[in-house]
Amino acid sequence: MKFLVSLVVFSLVLNSFASAQTLIQDSCKKAAAKDPLMKYDFCVNSLTEDPQSKTATTLEGLVLASTKNAAAKIMNVKGTVEGSIKAKKYEKVTEAVLNTCLELYDDANDSLTSALSSVKTHDYYTANVYLSAALDDPENCEDAFKERKQLKSPVTTENNVLFQKILIPLAFTNML
């Protein structure tokens, strides 16, 4: 009897994982078809690496999980940049621009927090506004470096990843 119960539980867990995987793949495929900036492989890999996304059963659940994932990545990048500034790895002019980026990362994190609240109340229009605002911030950081023609951004790779991470919940919200 215990074996039968264990087998049923295992089957349910396996089915749940397969359903989440299908939801992730289908959602990323639809989003990539609608938005040329969305990278399908990045979307699928990003979500399948995230434990919260793997347990999502609805598109709204994926929006919540991917928004939290993007916010965590922003805080990770912010911490890395703060560490670089404290370690005096860059010249003063680069540090000044990185400080601007830190403010932008804070703004993006605030926007993602507001987007989460909006999704939880099913206010997808407002969530879209906040997600769009957050999406601009990594790009604005890069623009701050481009304005100083001699400076090369040391965070281009991180900002490109942030852009994609934020684009995922934005694209999904547009599908709700």
C-alpha atoms as a PDB file:
ATOM      1  CA  MET A   1       0.000   0.000   0.000  1.00  0.00           C
ATOM      2  CA  LYS A   2       2.822   2.410   0.887  1.00  0.00           C
ATOM      3  CA  PHE A   3       4.426   1.639  -2.446  1.00  0.00           C
ATOM      4  CA  LEU A   4       1.218   2.528  -4.280  1.00  0.00           C
ATOM      5  CA  VAL A   5       0.880   5.822  -2.385  1.00  0.00           C
ATOM      6  CA  SER A   6       4.531   6.647  -3.100  1.00  0.00           C
ATOM      7  CA  LEU A   7       4.041   5.847  -6.769  1.00  0.00           C
ATOM      8  CA  VAL A   8       0.966   8.107  -6.985  1.00  0.00           C
ATOM      9  CA  VAL A   9       2.761  10.972  -5.221  1.00  0.00           C
ATOM     10  CA  PHE A  10       5.794  10.553  -7.491  1.00  0.00           C
ATOM     11  CA  SER A  11       3.550  10.592 -10.562  1.00  0.00           C
ATOM     12  CA  LEU A  12       1.815  13.756  -9.403  1.00  0.00           C
ATOM     13  CA  VAL A  13       5.114  15.516  -8.731  1.00  0.00           C
ATOM     14  CA  LEU A  14       6.501  14.423 -12.098  1.00  0.00           C
ATOM     15  CA  ASN A  15       3.319  15.559 -13.859  1.00  0.00           C
ATOM     16  CA  SER A  16       3.467  18.922 -12.080  1.00  0.00           C
ATOM     17  CA  PHE A  17       7.083  19.428 -13.170  1.00  0.00           C
ATOM     18  CA  ALA A  18       6.231  18.466 -16.753  1.00  0.00           C
ATOM     19  CA  SER A  19       3.283  20.883 -16.738  1.00  0.00           C
ATOM     20  CA  ALA A  20       5.450  23.732 -15.449  1.00  0.00           C
ATOM     21  CA  GLN A  21       8.096  22.957 -18.067  1.00  0.00           C
ATOM     22  CA  THR A  22       5.449  23.045 -20.808  1.00  0.00           C
ATOM     23  CA  LEU A  23       4.048  26.312 -19.436  1.00  0.00           C
ATOM     24  CA  ILE A  24       7.515  27.848 -19.450  1.00  0.00           C
ATOM     25  CA  GLN A  25       8.341  26.693 -22.981  1.00  0.00           C
ATOM     26  CA  ASP A  26       4.963  27.686 -24.426  1.00  0.00           C
ATOM     27  CA  SER A  27       4.984  31.090 -22.712  1.00  0.00           C
ATOM     28  CA  CYS A  28       8.537  31.866 -23.819  1.00  0.00           C
ATOM     29  CA  LYS A  29       7.712  30.783 -27.367  1.00  0.00           C
ATOM     30  CA  LYS A  30       4.654  33.049 -27.545  1.00  0.00           C
ATOM     31  CA  ALA A  31       6.527  35.963 -25.971  1.00  0.00           C
ATOM     32  CA  ALA A  32       9.480  35.584 -28.360  1.00  0.00           C
ATOM     33  CA  ALA A  33       7.099  35.489 -31.319  1.00  0.00           C
ATOM     34  CA  LYS A  34       5.510  38.780 -30.197  1.00  0.00           C
ATOM     35  CA  ASP A  35       8.661  40.630 -29.106  1.00  0.00           C
ATOM     36  CA  PRO A  36      11.774  40.533 -31.294  1.00  0.00           C
ATOM     37  CA  LEU A  37      13.951  41.557 -28.325  1.00  0.00           C
ATOM     38  CA  MET A  38      12.947  38.455 -26.358  1.00  0.00           C
ATOM     39  CA  LYS A  39      15.484  35.644 -26.564  1.00  0.00           C
ATOM     40  CA  TYR A  40      13.636  32.327 -26.376  1.00  0.00           C
ATOM     41  CA  ASP A  41      16.566  30.265 -25.074  1.00  0.00           C
ATOM     42  CA  PHE A  42      17.410  32.851 -22.421  1.00  0.00           C
ATOM     43  CA  CYS A  43      13.778  32.930 -21.321  1.00  0.00           C
ATOM     44  CA  VAL A  44      13.486  29.154 -20.993  1.00  0.00           C
ATOM     45  CA  ASN A  45      16.862  28.768 -19.271  1.00  0.00           C
ATOM     46  CA  SER A  46      16.218  31.653 -16.886  1.00  0.00           C
ATOM     47  CA  LEU A  47      12.856  30.267 -15.818  1.00  0.00           C
ATOM     48  CA  THR A  48      13.859  26.607 -15.576  1.00  0.00           C
ATOM     49  CA  GLU A  49      16.774  27.598 -13.305  1.00  0.00           C
ATOM     50  CA  ASP A  50      14.380  29.419 -10.969  1.00  0.00           C
ATOM     51  CA  PRO A  51      12.638  27.192  -8.377  1.00  0.00           C
ATOM     52  CA  GLN A  52       9.598  29.506  -8.147  1.00  0.00           C
ATOM     53  CA  SER A  53       9.079  29.452 -11.911  1.00  0.00           C
ATOM     54  CA  LYS A  54       9.286  25.663 -11.980  1.00  0.00           C
ATOM     55  CA  THR A  55       6.284  25.459  -9.650  1.00  0.00           C
ATOM     56  CA  ALA A  56       4.132  28.012 -11.504  1.00  0.00           C
ATOM     57  CA  THR A  57       0.896  26.624 -12.884  1.00  0.00           C
ATOM     58  CA  THR A  58      -0.399  29.753 -14.623  1.00  0.00           C
ATOM     59  CA  LEU A  59       0.984  32.564 -16.725  1.00  0.00           C
ATOM     60  CA  GLU A  60       0.309  34.946 -13.829  1.00  0.00           C
ATOM     61  CA  GLY A  61       2.377  32.670 -11.614  1.00  0.00           C
ATOM     62  CA  LEU A  62       5.210  32.923 -14.130  1.00  0.00           C
ATOM     63  CA  VAL A  63       4.896  36.713 -14.132  1.00  0.00           C
ATOM     64  CA  LEU A  64       5.212  36.785 -10.335  1.00  0.00           C
ATOM     65  CA  ALA A  65       8.142  34.369 -10.289  1.00  0.00           C
ATOM     66  CA  SER A  66      10.021  36.029 -13.148  1.00  0.00           C
ATOM     67  CA  THR A  67       9.516  39.484 -11.637  1.00  0.00           C
ATOM     68  CA  LYS A  68      10.980  38.268  -8.346  1.00  0.00           C
ATOM     69  CA  ASN A  69      13.809  36.655 -10.302  1.00  0.00           C
ATOM     70  CA  ALA A  70      14.551  39.957 -12.067  1.00  0.00           C
ATOM     71  CA  ALA A  71      14.492  41.846  -8.765  1.00  0.00           C
ATOM     72  CA  ALA A  72      16.933  39.363  -7.239  1.00  0.00           C
ATOM     73  CA  LYS A  73      19.256  39.802 -10.211  1.00  0.00           C
ATOM     74  CA  ILE A  74      19.111  43.590  -9.880  1.00  0.00           C
ATOM     75  CA  MET A  75      20.108  43.374  -6.230  1.00  0.00           C
ATOM     76  CA  ASN A  76      22.910  40.965  -7.137  1.00  0.00           C
ATOM     77  CA  VAL A  77      24.294  43.335  -9.778  1.00  0.00           C
ATOM     78  CA  LYS A  78      23.902  46.275  -7.419  1.00  0.00           C
ATOM     79  CA  GLY A  79      25.911  44.451  -4.769  1.00  0.00           C
ATOM     80  CA  THR A  80      28.653  43.639  -7.269  1.00  0.00           C
ATOM     81  CA  VAL A  81      28.861  47.275  -8.386  1.00  0.00           C
ATOM     82  CA  GLU A  82      28.914  48.516  -4.785  1.00  0.00           C
ATOM     83  CA  GLY A  83      31.750  46.096  -4.042  1.00  0.00           C
ATOM     84  CA  SER A  84      33.713  47.336  -7.041  1.00  0.00           C
ATOM     85  CA  ILE A  85      33.289  50.946  -5.955  1.00  0.00           C
ATOM     86  CA  LYS A  86      34.382  50.163  -2.389  1.00  0.00           C
ATOM     87  CA  ALA A  87      37.413  48.279  -3.698  1.00  0.00           C
ATOM     88  CA  LYS A  88      38.351  51.331  -5.778  1.00  0.00           C
ATOM     89  CA  LYS A  89      38.585  49.225  -8.941  1.00  0.00           C
ATOM     90  CA  TYR A  90      37.785  52.146 -11.240  1.00  0.00           C
ATOM     91  CA  GLU A  91      38.771  55.743 -11.848  1.00  0.00           C
ATOM     92  CA  LYS A  92      36.678  58.495 -10.233  1.00  0.00           C
ATOM     93  CA  VAL A  93      34.820  59.329 -13.436  1.00  0.00           C
ATOM     94  CA  THR A  94      33.798  55.676 -13.892  1.00  0.00           C
ATOM     95  CA  GLU A  95      32.783  55.479 -10.243  1.00  0.00           C
ATOM     96  CA  ALA A  96      30.576  58.533 -10.712  1.00  0.00           C
ATOM     97  CA  VAL A  97      28.707  56.852 -13.553  1.00  0.00           C
ATOM     98  CA  LEU A  98      28.491  53.602 -11.589  1.00  0.00           C
ATOM     99  CA  ASN A  99      26.888  55.561  -8.741  1.00  0.00           C
ATOM    100  CA  THR A 100      24.298  56.756 -11.248  1.00  0.00           C
ATOM    101  CA  CYS A 101      23.749  53.115 -12.208  1.00  0.00           C
ATOM    102  CA  LEU A 102      23.237  52.219  -8.548  1.00  0.00           C
ATOM    103  CA  GLU A 103      20.443  54.788  -8.347  1.00  0.00           C
ATOM    104  CA  LEU A 104      18.922  53.353 -11.512  1.00  0.00           C
ATOM    105  CA  TYR A 105      19.080  49.830 -10.065  1.00  0.00           C
ATOM    106  CA  ASP A 106      17.256  51.090  -6.967  1.00  0.00           C
ATOM    107  CA  ASP A 107      14.615  52.675  -9.213  1.00  0.00           C
ATOM    108  CA  ALA A 108      14.256  49.441 -11.176  1.00  0.00           C
ATOM    109  CA  ASN A 109      13.890  47.423  -7.985  1.00  0.00           C
ATOM    110  CA  ASP A 110      11.205  49.817  -6.723  1.00  0.00           C
ATOM    111  CA  SER A 111       9.390  49.518 -10.045  1.00  0.00           C
ATOM    112  CA  LEU A 112       9.511  45.723  -9.897  1.00  0.00           C
ATOM    113  CA  THR A 113       8.154  45.760  -6.345  1.00  0.00           C
ATOM    114  CA  SER A 114       5.263  47.949  -7.508  1.00  0.00           C
ATOM    115  CA  ALA A 115       4.714  45.680 -10.515  1.00  0.00           C
ATOM    116  CA  LEU A 116       4.442  42.670  -8.201  1.00  0.00           C
ATOM    117  CA  SER A 117       1.775  44.431  -6.148  1.00  0.00           C
ATOM    118  CA  SER A 118      -0.133  45.314  -9.306  1.00  0.00           C
ATOM    119  CA  VAL A 119      -0.031  41.752 -10.647  1.00  0.00           C
ATOM    120  CA  LYS A 120      -1.274  40.406  -7.310  1.00  0.00           C
ATOM    121  CA  THR A 121      -4.340  42.658  -7.644  1.00  0.00           C
ATOM    122  CA  HIS A 122      -4.735  41.686 -11.326  1.00  0.00           C
ATOM    123  CA  ASP A 123      -4.005  45.261 -12.432  1.00  0.00           C
ATOM    124  CA  TYR A 124      -1.947  44.245 -15.443  1.00  0.00           C
ATOM    125  CA  TYR A 125      -2.000  47.668 -17.078  1.00  0.00           C
ATOM    126  CA  THR A 126      -0.261  49.247 -14.079  1.00  0.00           C
ATOM    127  CA  ALA A 127       2.097  46.275 -13.799  1.00  0.00           C
ATOM    128  CA  ASN A 128       3.021  46.848 -17.432  1.00  0.00           C
ATOM    129  CA  VAL A 129       3.812  50.506 -16.725  1.00  0.00           C
ATOM    130  CA  TYR A 130       6.100  49.588 -13.812  1.00  0.00           C
ATOM    131  CA  LEU A 131       7.797  46.774 -15.716  1.00  0.00           C
ATOM    132  CA  SER A 132       8.393  49.102 -18.666  1.00  0.00           C
ATOM    133  CA  ALA A 133       9.965  51.647 -16.338  1.00  0.00           C
ATOM    134  CA  ALA A 134      12.223  48.971 -14.831  1.00  0.00           C
ATOM    135  CA  LEU A 135      13.230  47.815 -18.306  1.00  0.00           C
ATOM    136  CA  ASP A 136      14.583  51.278 -19.113  1.00  0.00           C
ATOM    137  CA  ASP A 137      16.966  51.428 -16.157  1.00  0.00           C
ATOM    138  CA  PRO A 138      19.718  48.998 -17.296  1.00  0.00           C
ATOM    139  CA  GLU A 139      19.692  50.724 -20.684  1.00  0.00           C
ATOM    140  CA  ASN A 140      19.868  54.144 -19.020  1.00  0.00           C
ATOM    141  CA  CYS A 141      22.935  52.965 -17.117  1.00  0.00           C
ATOM    142  CA  GLU A 142      24.595  52.015 -20.396  1.00  0.00           C
ATOM    143  CA  ASP A 143      23.578  55.359 -21.911  1.00  0.00           C
ATOM    144  CA  ALA A 144      25.274  57.168 -19.026  1.00  0.00           C
ATOM    145  CA  PHE A 145      28.548  55.554 -20.068  1.00  0.00           C
ATOM    146  CA  LYS A 146      27.959  56.289 -23.759  1.00  0.00           C
ATOM    147  CA  GLU A 147      27.495  59.977 -22.959  1.00  0.00           C
ATOM    148  CA  ARG A 148      31.099  59.989 -21.767  1.00  0.00           C
ATOM    149  CA  LYS A 149      32.697  58.900 -25.014  1.00  0.00           C
ATOM    150  CA  GLN A 150      35.967  57.760 -23.444  1.00  0.00           C
ATOM    151  CA  LEU A 151      34.295  55.458 -20.916  1.00  0.00           C
ATOM    152  CA  LYS A 152      33.534  51.806 -21.500  1.00  0.00           C
ATOM    153  CA  SER A 153      30.861  50.377 -19.259  1.00  0.00           C
ATOM    154  CA  PRO A 154      32.163  47.650 -16.960  1.00  0.00           C
ATOM    155  CA  VAL A 155      28.595  46.390 -16.462  1.00  0.00           C
ATOM    156  CA  THR A 156      27.388  45.935 -20.055  1.00  0.00           C
ATOM    157  CA  THR A 157      27.032  42.168 -19.717  1.00  0.00           C
ATOM    158  CA  GLU A 158      25.144  42.493 -16.436  1.00  0.00           C
ATOM    159  CA  ASN A 159      22.853  45.169 -17.870  1.00  0.00           C
ATOM    160  CA  ASN A 160      22.102  43.016 -20.908  1.00  0.00           C
ATOM    161  CA  VAL A 161      21.131  40.142 -18.613  1.00  0.00           C
ATOM    162  CA  LEU A 162      19.002  42.489 -16.487  1.00  0.00           C
ATOM    163  CA  PHE A 163      17.254  43.755 -19.608  1.00  0.00           C
ATOM    164  CA  GLN A 164      16.345  40.205 -20.635  1.00  0.00           C
ATOM    165  CA  LYS A 165      15.305  39.237 -17.089  1.00  0.00           C
ATOM    166  CA  ILE A 166      12.949  42.230 -16.887  1.00  0.00           C
ATOM    167  CA  LEU A 167      11.677  41.713 -20.434  1.00  0.00           C
ATOM    168  CA  ILE A 168      10.349  38.260 -19.491  1.00  0.00           C
ATOM    169  CA  PRO A 169       7.669  39.401 -17.002  1.00  0.00           C
ATOM    170  CA  LEU A 170       6.888  42.413 -19.188  1.00  0.00           C
ATOM    171  CA  ALA A 171       6.247  40.207 -22.210  1.00  0.00           C
ATOM    172  CA  PHE A 172       4.222  37.765 -20.122  1.00  0.00           C
ATOM    173  CA  THR A 173       2.134  40.570 -18.616  1.00  0.00           C
ATOM    174  CA  ASN A 174       1.297  41.712 -22.139  1.00  0.00           C
ATOM    175  CA  MET A 175      -0.101  38.204 -22.741  1.00  0.00           C
ATOM    176  CA  LEU A 176      -2.474  38.305 -19.744  1.00  0.00           C
END
